C-alpha atoms as a PDB file:
ATOM      1  CA  MET A   1       7.159 -13.821 -11.533  1.00  0.00           C
ATOM      2  CA  GLU A   2       4.906 -11.679  -8.634  1.00  0.00           C
ATOM      3  CA  ILE A   3       4.328  -8.631  -7.676  1.00  0.00           C
ATOM      4  CA  LYS A   4       2.488  -8.335  -4.338  1.00  0.00           C
ATOM      5  CA  ILE A   5       2.361  -4.558  -3.272  1.00  0.00           C
ATOM      6  CA  ARG A   6      -0.328  -2.294  -1.089  1.00  0.00           C
ATOM      7  CA  PRO A   7      -1.262   1.701  -0.700  1.00  0.00           C
ATOM      8  CA  THR A   8       1.126   3.787   0.682  1.00  0.00           C
ATOM      9  CA  ARG A   9       0.268   5.854   3.538  1.00  0.00           C
ATOM     10  CA  ARG A  10       1.069   8.422   1.433  1.00  0.00           C
ATOM     11  CA  ALA A  11      -1.815   8.026  -0.560  1.00  0.00           C
ATOM     12  CA  PHE A  12      -4.021   8.860   1.790  1.00  0.00           C
ATOM     13  CA  VAL A  13      -1.807  11.927   2.996  1.00  0.00           C
ATOM     14  CA  LEU A  14      -5.506  14.295   2.409  1.00  0.00           C
ATOM     15  CA  ARG A  15      -6.849  11.937   5.180  1.00  0.00           C
ATOM     16  CA  TYR A  16      -3.692  11.996   7.211  1.00  0.00           C
ATOM     17  CA  ILE A  17      -3.836  15.784   7.456  1.00  0.00           C
ATOM     18  CA  ILE A  18      -7.657  16.646   7.994  1.00  0.00           C
ATOM     19  CA  TYR A  19      -8.022  14.424  10.394  1.00  0.00           C
ATOM     20  CA  PRO A  20      -5.037  15.140  12.472  1.00  0.00           C
ATOM     21  CA  TYR A  21      -5.725  19.190  12.308  1.00  0.00           C
ATOM     22  CA  TYR A  22      -9.883  18.862  13.289  1.00  0.00           C
ATOM     23  CA  LEU A  23      -8.387  16.551  16.962  1.00  0.00           C
ATOM     24  CA  ILE A  24      -5.342  19.099  16.905  1.00  0.00           C
ATOM     25  CA  ALA A  25      -7.532  22.836  16.448  1.00  0.00           C
ATOM     26  CA  GLY A  26     -10.391  20.496  18.585  1.00  0.00           C
ATOM     27  CA  THR A  27      -7.928  20.154  21.680  1.00  0.00           C
ATOM     28  CA  VAL A  28      -6.500  23.079  21.395  1.00  0.00           C
ATOM     29  CA  MET A  29      -9.624  25.788  21.489  1.00  0.00           C
ATOM     30  CA  LEU A  30     -10.992  22.742  24.016  1.00  0.00           C
ATOM     31  CA  PHE A  31      -8.325  23.983  26.523  1.00  0.00           C
ATOM     32  CA  TRP A  32      -7.819  28.182  24.711  1.00  0.00           C
ATOM     33  CA  LYS A  33     -11.877  28.506  25.605  1.00  0.00           C
ATOM     34  CA  ASP A  34     -13.711  26.391  27.302  1.00  0.00           C
ATOM     35  CA  LEU A  35     -16.921  27.077  26.500  1.00  0.00           C
ATOM     36  CA  SER A  36     -18.823  25.816  29.477  1.00  0.00           C
ATOM     37  CA  GLN A  37     -17.461  28.688  31.548  1.00  0.00           C
ATOM     38  CA  LEU A  38     -18.174  31.230  28.305  1.00  0.00           C
ATOM     39  CA  PRO A  39     -21.871  33.657  28.375  1.00  0.00           C
ATOM     40  CA  GLU A  40     -24.085  33.302  26.502  1.00  0.00           C
ATOM     41  CA  ASN A  41     -23.227  36.091  24.443  1.00  0.00           C
ATOM     42  CA  ASP A  42     -19.215  34.440  23.687  1.00  0.00           C
ATOM     43  CA  TYR A  43     -20.047  31.175  23.449  1.00  0.00           C
ATOM     44  CA  LEU A  44     -22.263  31.803  20.156  1.00  0.00           C
ATOM     45  CA  ILE A  45     -19.351  33.671  19.040  1.00  0.00           C
ATOM     46  CA  TYR A  46     -16.883  31.368  19.865  1.00  0.00           C
ATOM     47  CA  LEU A  47     -18.622  28.602  18.012  1.00  0.00           C
ATOM     48  CA  ILE A  48     -19.428  30.197  15.483  1.00  0.00           C
ATOM     49  CA  MET A  49     -15.502  30.463  14.820  1.00  0.00           C
ATOM     50  CA  TRP A  50     -15.289  26.914  15.759  1.00  0.00           C
ATOM     51  CA  GLY A  51     -17.422  26.687  12.472  1.00  0.00           C
ATOM     52  CA  GLY A  52     -16.143  28.558  10.859  1.00  0.00           C
ATOM     53  CA  LEU A  53     -12.346  26.383  10.782  1.00  0.00           C
ATOM     54  CA  THR A  54     -14.653  23.226  10.658  1.00  0.00           C
ATOM     55  CA  VAL A  55     -16.892  23.095   8.348  1.00  0.00           C
ATOM     56  CA  ILE A  56     -14.683  26.324   5.459  1.00  0.00           C
ATOM     57  CA  PRO A  57     -12.537  23.272   5.215  1.00  0.00           C
ATOM     58  CA  GLY A  58     -14.811  20.783   4.096  1.00  0.00           C
ATOM     59  CA  LEU A  59     -16.334  23.360   1.461  1.00  0.00           C
ATOM     60  CA  ILE A  60     -12.893  23.732   0.137  1.00  0.00           C
ATOM     61  CA  LEU A  61     -12.383  19.446   0.270  1.00  0.00           C
ATOM     62  CA  ALA A  62     -16.068  19.324  -1.513  1.00  0.00           C
ATOM     63  CA  PHE A  63     -15.430  21.225  -5.035  1.00  0.00           C
ATOM     64  CA  LYS A  64     -11.846  20.060  -5.050  1.00  0.00           C
ATOM     65  CA  ARG A  65     -13.118  16.169  -4.716  1.00  0.00           C
ATOM     66  CA  ARG A  66     -15.826  16.327  -6.018  1.00  0.00           C
ATOM     67  CA  LYS A  67     -17.524  14.032  -3.311  1.00  0.00           C
ATOM     68  CA  PHE A  68     -20.035  16.237  -0.038  1.00  0.00           C
ATOM     69  CA  SER A  69     -19.399  14.080   1.806  1.00  0.00           C
ATOM     70  CA  TRP A  70     -16.128  16.449   2.351  1.00  0.00           C
ATOM     71  CA  PHE A  71     -18.728  19.002   3.893  1.00  0.00           C
ATOM     72  CA  PHE A  72     -21.571  17.762   5.104  1.00  0.00           C
ATOM     73  CA  TRP A  73     -19.962  14.829   8.267  1.00  0.00           C
ATOM     74  CA  PRO A  74     -18.324  17.724   9.798  1.00  0.00           C
ATOM     75  CA  LEU A  75     -21.502  20.344   9.908  1.00  0.00           C
ATOM     76  CA  ALA A  76     -23.406  16.998  10.807  1.00  0.00           C
ATOM     77  CA  LEU A  77     -21.062  16.828  13.734  1.00  0.00           C
ATOM     78  CA  ASN A  78     -20.751  20.674  14.687  1.00  0.00           C
ATOM     79  CA  LEU A  79     -25.101  20.372  14.542  1.00  0.00           C
ATOM     80  CA  LEU A  80     -24.915  16.664  16.533  1.00  0.00           C
ATOM     81  CA  GLY A  81     -22.319  18.549  19.883  1.00  0.00           C
ATOM     82  CA  TRP A  82     -24.927  22.067  19.515  1.00  0.00           C
ATOM     83  CA  GLY A  83     -27.670  20.014  19.149  1.00  0.00           C
ATOM     84  CA  SER A  84     -26.501  18.289  22.539  1.00  0.00           C
ATOM     85  CA  LYS A  85     -27.636  21.265  24.328  1.00  0.00           C
ATOM     86  CA  PHE A  86     -30.851  20.338  23.556  1.00  0.00           C
ATOM     87  CA  VAL A  87     -30.962  16.966  25.145  1.00  0.00           C
ATOM     88  CA  PHE A  88     -28.460  17.097  27.995  1.00  0.00           C
ATOM     89  CA  LYS A  89     -29.844  20.323  29.956  1.00  0.00           C
ATOM     90  CA  GLU A  90     -28.401  18.850  33.350  1.00  0.00           C
ATOM     91  CA  GLU A  91     -26.190  20.504  34.961  1.00  0.00           C
ATOM     92  CA  ASN A  92     -23.938  17.778  35.853  1.00  0.00           C
ATOM     93  CA  TYR A  93     -22.734  18.039  31.649  1.00  0.00           C
ATOM     94  CA  ASP A  94     -22.502  20.699  31.344  1.00  0.00           C
ATOM     95  CA  TYR A  95     -19.015  20.602  30.045  1.00  0.00           C
ATOM     96  CA  TYR A  96     -19.300  17.763  27.650  1.00  0.00           C
ATOM     97  CA  VAL A  97     -22.766  19.484  26.762  1.00  0.00           C
ATOM     98  CA  LYS A  98     -21.305  23.083  25.525  1.00  0.00           C
ATOM     99  CA  ASN A  99     -18.189  21.409  24.538  1.00  0.00           C
ATOM    100  CA  GLY A 100     -20.247  18.890  22.402  1.00  0.00           C
ATOM    101  CA  PRO A 101     -18.240  20.468  18.887  1.00  0.00           C
ATOM    102  CA  TYR A 102     -14.558  20.203  20.436  1.00  0.00           C
ATOM    103  CA  LEU A 103     -15.421  16.334  21.606  1.00  0.00           C
ATOM    104  CA  ALA A 104     -17.051  14.932  19.207  1.00  0.00           C
ATOM    105  CA  PHE A 105     -14.746  15.780  16.033  1.00  0.00           C
ATOM    106  CA  ILE A 106     -11.435  14.628  18.736  1.00  0.00           C
ATOM    107  CA  ALA A 107     -13.459  11.299  19.256  1.00  0.00           C
ATOM    108  CA  VAL A 108     -13.998  11.588  15.288  1.00  0.00           C
ATOM    109  CA  SER A 109     -10.855  12.039  14.129  1.00  0.00           C
ATOM    110  CA  ILE A 110      -8.930   9.797  16.695  1.00  0.00           C
ATOM    111  CA  LEU A 111     -11.915   6.782  14.576  1.00  0.00           C
ATOM    112  CA  ALA A 112     -10.791   7.834  11.349  1.00  0.00           C
ATOM    113  CA  LEU A 113      -7.413   7.492  11.916  1.00  0.00           C
ATOM    114  CA  ILE A 114      -7.570   4.173  12.783  1.00  0.00           C
ATOM    115  CA  PHE A 115     -10.324   3.165  10.778  1.00  0.00           C
ATOM    116  CA  ILE A 116      -8.483   4.395   7.445  1.00  0.00           C
ATOM    117  CA  GLU A 117      -4.837   2.356   8.754  1.00  0.00           C
ATOM    118  CA  LEU A 118      -7.074  -0.560   9.446  1.00  0.00           C
ATOM    119  CA  TYR A 119      -8.524   0.187   5.329  1.00  0.00           C
ATOM    120  CA  ARG A 120      -5.300   0.656   3.830  1.00  0.00           C
ATOM    121  CA  LEU A 121      -4.262  -2.151   5.860  1.00  0.00           C
ATOM    122  CA  THR A 122      -6.642  -4.123   4.686  1.00  0.00           C
ATOM    123  CA  ILE A 123      -5.965  -3.829   0.521  1.00  0.00           C
ATOM    124  CA  LYS A 124      -3.562  -5.542  -0.883  1.00  0.00           C
ATOM    125  CA  TYR A 125      -1.949  -6.051  -4.801  1.00  0.00           C
ATOM    126  CA  LYS A 126      -1.040  -8.882  -6.527  1.00  0.00           C
ATOM    127  CA  ILE A 127       0.801  -8.765  -9.799  1.00  0.00           C
ATOM    128  CA  SER A 128       1.431 -12.391 -11.948  1.00  0.00           C
ATOM    129  CA  ASP A 129       1.539 -14.607 -15.537  1.00  0.00           C
ATOM    130  CA  SER A 130      -2.585 -14.611 -14.192  1.00  0.00           C
ATOM    131  CA  GLY A 131      -3.594 -10.947 -14.088  1.00  0.00           C
ATOM    132  CA  ILE A 132      -4.048  -8.683 -11.396  1.00  0.00           C
ATOM    133  CA  GLU A 133      -5.624  -9.684  -8.557  1.00  0.00           C
ATOM    134  CA  ILE A 134      -7.243  -7.398  -6.034  1.00  0.00           C
ATOM    135  CA  THR A 135      -7.400  -8.263  -2.160  1.00  0.00           C
ATOM    136  CA  THR A 136      -9.870  -6.129   0.347  1.00  0.00           C
ATOM    137  CA  GLY A 137     -12.354  -5.923   2.727  1.00  0.00           C
ATOM    138  CA  LEU A 138     -11.379  -7.564   6.745  1.00  0.00           C
ATOM    139  CA  PHE A 139      -9.947 -10.676   6.457  1.00  0.00           C
ATOM    140  CA  GLY A 140      -9.981 -11.012   2.566  1.00  0.00           C
ATOM    141  CA  ALA A 141     -13.491 -11.058   2.546  1.00  0.00           C
ATOM    142  CA  ASN A 142     -13.352  -9.292  -1.093  1.00  0.00           C
ATOM    143  CA  ASN A 143     -11.186 -10.648  -4.175  1.00  0.00           C
ATOM    144  CA  GLN A 144     -10.534 -10.621  -7.820  1.00  0.00           C
ATOM    145  CA  LEU A 145      -8.965 -11.730 -10.404  1.00  0.00           C
ATOM    146  CA  ILE A 146      -7.964  -9.463 -13.718  1.00  0.00           C
ATOM    147  CA  VAL A 147      -7.629 -11.638 -16.302  1.00  0.00           C
ATOM    148  CA  ASN A 148      -4.354  -9.999 -18.213  1.00  0.00           C
ATOM    149  CA  ARG A 149      -6.548 -11.090 -22.073  1.00  0.00           C
ATOM    150  CA  HIS A 150      -9.555  -9.086 -21.120  1.00  0.00           C
ATOM    151  CA  ILE A 151      -6.610  -5.783 -20.098  1.00  0.00           C
ATOM    152  CA  THR A 152      -7.084  -3.326 -22.477  1.00  0.00           C
ATOM    153  CA  ASN A 153      -5.614  -0.431 -21.765  1.00  0.00           C
ATOM    154  CA  VAL A 154      -3.220   0.596 -18.342  1.00  0.00           C
ATOM    155  CA  LEU A 155      -3.017   3.835 -17.031  1.00  0.00           C
ATOM    156  CA  LEU A 156      -0.819   5.426 -14.040  1.00  0.00           C
ATOM    157  CA  LYS A 157      -2.485   8.071 -12.730  1.00  0.00           C
ATOM    158  CA  ARG A 158      -1.227  11.157 -10.139  1.00  0.00           C
ATOM    159  CA  ASN A 159      -1.521  14.314  -9.625  1.00  0.00           C
ATOM    160  CA  PHE A 160       0.723  17.289  -8.509  1.00  0.00           C
ATOM    161  CA  LEU A 161       0.581  16.401  -5.216  1.00  0.00           C
ATOM    162  CA  GLU A 162       1.213  13.004  -5.598  1.00  0.00           C
ATOM    163  CA  ILE A 163       4.167  13.070  -7.826  1.00  0.00           C
ATOM    164  CA  ILE A 164       5.197  15.119  -5.387  1.00  0.00           C
ATOM    165  CA  PHE A 165       5.141  11.772  -2.532  1.00  0.00           C
ATOM    166  CA  GLY A 166       6.096   9.459  -5.318  1.00  0.00           C
ATOM    167  CA  VAL A 167       2.489   7.214  -5.392  1.00  0.00           C
ATOM    168  CA  GLY A 168       0.718   6.310  -7.939  1.00  0.00           C
ATOM    169  CA  HIS A 169      -2.454   4.769  -9.341  1.00  0.00           C
ATOM    170  CA  ILE A 170      -2.300   2.154 -12.074  1.00  0.00           C
ATOM    171  CA  ILE A 171      -5.581   1.871 -13.299  1.00  0.00           C
ATOM    172  CA  PRO A 172      -6.367  -1.340 -15.704  1.00  0.00           C
ATOM    173  CA  VAL A 173      -8.409  -0.881 -18.229  1.00  0.00           C
ATOM    174  CA  THR A 174     -10.738  -4.124 -19.295  1.00  0.00           C
ATOM    175  CA  SER A 175     -13.691  -4.099 -22.609  1.00  0.00           C
ATOM    176  CA  SER A 176     -16.265  -4.801 -19.948  1.00  0.00           C
ATOM    177  CA  GLY A 177     -15.729  -0.580 -19.075  1.00  0.00           C
ATOM    178  CA  MET A 178     -14.020  -1.380 -15.896  1.00  0.00           C
ATOM    179  CA  GLY A 179     -11.626   1.074 -14.359  1.00  0.00           C
ATOM    180  CA  THR A 180     -13.836   3.915 -16.353  1.00  0.00           C
ATOM    181  CA  GLY A 181     -16.381   6.076 -15.661  1.00  0.00           C
ATOM    182  CA  ASP A 182     -18.032   9.404 -16.342  1.00  0.00           C
ATOM    183  CA  ALA A 183     -17.836  12.321 -13.686  1.00  0.00           C
ATOM    184  CA  GLY A 184     -19.263  16.353 -13.852  1.00  0.00           C
ATOM    185  CA  VAL A 185     -20.823  18.584 -12.154  1.00  0.00           C
ATOM    186  CA  PHE A 186     -24.584  18.327 -13.602  1.00  0.00           C
ATOM    187  CA  GLY A 187     -26.012  21.775 -12.109  1.00  0.00           C
ATOM    188  CA  GLY A 188     -24.802  21.748  -8.106  1.00  0.00           C
ATOM    189  CA  VAL A 189     -24.902  18.286  -8.190  1.00  0.00           C
ATOM    190  CA  THR A 190     -21.185  16.423  -9.462  1.00  0.00           C
ATOM    191  CA  GLY A 191     -22.339  12.863 -10.375  1.00  0.00           C
ATOM    192  CA  GLY A 192     -20.158   9.341 -11.273  1.00  0.00           C
ATOM    193  CA  VAL A 193     -20.503   6.269 -12.294  1.00  0.00           C
ATOM    194  CA  GLY A 194     -17.399   3.671 -12.426  1.00  0.00           C
ATOM    195  CA  GLY A 195     -16.071   0.195 -12.148  1.00  0.00           C
ATOM    196  CA  SER A 196     -17.065   0.826  -7.900  1.00  0.00           C
ATOM    197  CA  GLY A 197     -20.668   2.117  -8.029  1.00  0.00           C
ATOM    198  CA  THR A 198     -22.104   5.505  -8.603  1.00  0.00           C
ATOM    199  CA  ASN A 199     -21.700   8.587  -6.573  1.00  0.00           C
ATOM    200  CA  VAL A 200     -24.086  10.937  -6.299  1.00  0.00           C
ATOM    201  CA  GLY A 201     -23.152  14.654  -4.336  1.00  0.00           C
ATOM    202  CA  GLY A 202     -24.495  18.041  -3.664  1.00  0.00           C
ATOM    203  CA  VAL A 203     -21.178  20.239  -4.579  1.00  0.00           C
ATOM    204  CA  MET A 204     -21.880  23.074  -6.437  1.00  0.00           C
ATOM    205  CA  GLY A 205     -19.695  23.917 -10.062  1.00  0.00           C
ATOM    206  CA  SER A 206     -20.677  24.544 -13.943  1.00  0.00           C
ATOM    207  CA  VAL A 207     -21.193  22.259 -16.115  1.00  0.00           C
ATOM    208  CA  ALA A 208     -19.180  19.134 -17.041  1.00  0.00           C
ATOM    209  CA  THR A 209     -19.818  15.932 -18.068  1.00  0.00           C
ATOM    210  CA  GLN A 210     -16.525  13.793 -19.621  1.00  0.00           C
ATOM    211  CA  LYS A 211     -14.910  10.057 -19.429  1.00  0.00           C
ATOM    212  CA  GLU A 212     -11.909   9.585 -16.902  1.00  0.00           C
ATOM    213  CA  PHE A 213     -10.084   7.275 -15.301  1.00  0.00           C
ATOM    214  CA  VAL A 214     -10.704   5.672 -11.465  1.00  0.00           C
ATOM    215  CA  ALA A 215      -8.526   5.695  -9.261  1.00  0.00           C
ATOM    216  CA  ASP A 216     -10.226   3.760  -6.647  1.00  0.00           C
ATOM    217  CA  PRO A 217      -8.938   0.330  -4.581  1.00  0.00           C
ATOM    218  CA  LYS A 218     -11.166  -1.950  -5.691  1.00  0.00           C
ATOM    219  CA  ASN A 219     -10.269  -1.395  -9.455  1.00  0.00           C
ATOM    220  CA  CYS A 220      -6.957  -0.836  -9.809  1.00  0.00           C
ATOM    221  CA  ILE A 221      -3.332  -0.972  -8.269  1.00  0.00           C
ATOM    222  CA  TYR A 222      -3.859   2.405  -6.011  1.00  0.00           C
ATOM    223  CA  GLY A 223      -1.386   4.598  -4.207  1.00  0.00           C
ATOM    224  CA  VAL A 224       1.777   2.407  -4.525  1.00  0.00           C
ATOM    225  CA  SER A 225       5.078   4.273  -4.195  1.00  0.00           C
ATOM    226  CA  SER A 226       7.759   3.356  -7.155  1.00  0.00           C
ATOM    227  CA  PRO A 227       4.036   4.106  -9.339  1.00  0.00           C
ATOM    228  CA  LYS A 228       6.160   4.304 -12.941  1.00  0.00           C
ATOM    229  CA  LYS A 229       8.648   0.627 -12.034  1.00  0.00           C
ATOM    230  CA  ILE A 230       4.991  -0.819 -10.600  1.00  0.00           C
ATOM    231  CA  MET A 231       4.019   0.524 -14.335  1.00  0.00           C
ATOM    232  CA  GLU A 232       6.549  -1.264 -16.112  1.00  0.00           C
ATOM    233  CA  GLU A 233       5.862  -4.347 -14.646  1.00  0.00           C
ATOM    234  CA  VAL A 234       2.098  -4.368 -15.828  1.00  0.00           C
ATOM    235  CA  LYS A 235       3.859  -3.192 -19.569  1.00  0.00           C
ATOM    236  CA  LYS A 236       5.734  -6.422 -19.326  1.00  0.00           C
ATOM    237  CA  ILE A 237       3.483  -9.027 -18.024  1.00  0.00           C
ATOM    238  CA  LEU A 238       1.191  -7.180 -20.693  1.00  0.00           C
ATOM    239  CA  THR A 239       2.868  -7.183 -23.774  1.00  0.00           C
ATOM    240  CA  LYS A 240       4.497 -11.231 -22.660  1.00  0.00           C
ATOM    241  CA  GLN A 241       0.726 -12.171 -22.853  1.00  0.00           C
ATOM    242  CA  GLY A 242       0.189 -10.363 -26.384  1.00  0.00           C
END
């Protein structure tokens, strides 16, 4: 028996929501208030307003997802867009320079949506009697096989939103510890160690460490539709192997 699947778009719903939000917000603000036509005082007011519309959602996501990058890159884009006025001082570029924060978010959001879809399409899973084969990267550059006899535990992991959208992650845990990791927030710094590597970020929170199952497209069957059905098929194969 062989099953071939890949992550569904619903598994990346947060990214498919946040980038269109930035794209639409930037486009609306660009046509509503052209910053190049405003006096300096009003320019700063709308710049601060735009900063709130972009950085605050990133800050909320940073706390929720325990990843500093959700907060860092909106802040960096705002600084990049605002800082361009000190680099390009010619009046011919005034429209682009003054509206730099809007234009930066519009451009990056479009590129991000394209990248996410291409990234999703590079991920493939094959479940067979030999094991779980995970292929990622351009032209299937990365390929690994989780041999069935090395799997000691399997978890179906879903949060509330994923239950609503009908997706989930089947995480195979091996005797070597693949599929698990330590995650927690240490005095304002969040860290995670798992099968996909080590991640550190600067998100504030309470002090806590715990062993947890790590859902990552590169080490589990990530974000598939009908996860319970896939889970049952995996259990059948493992039971037969046992």
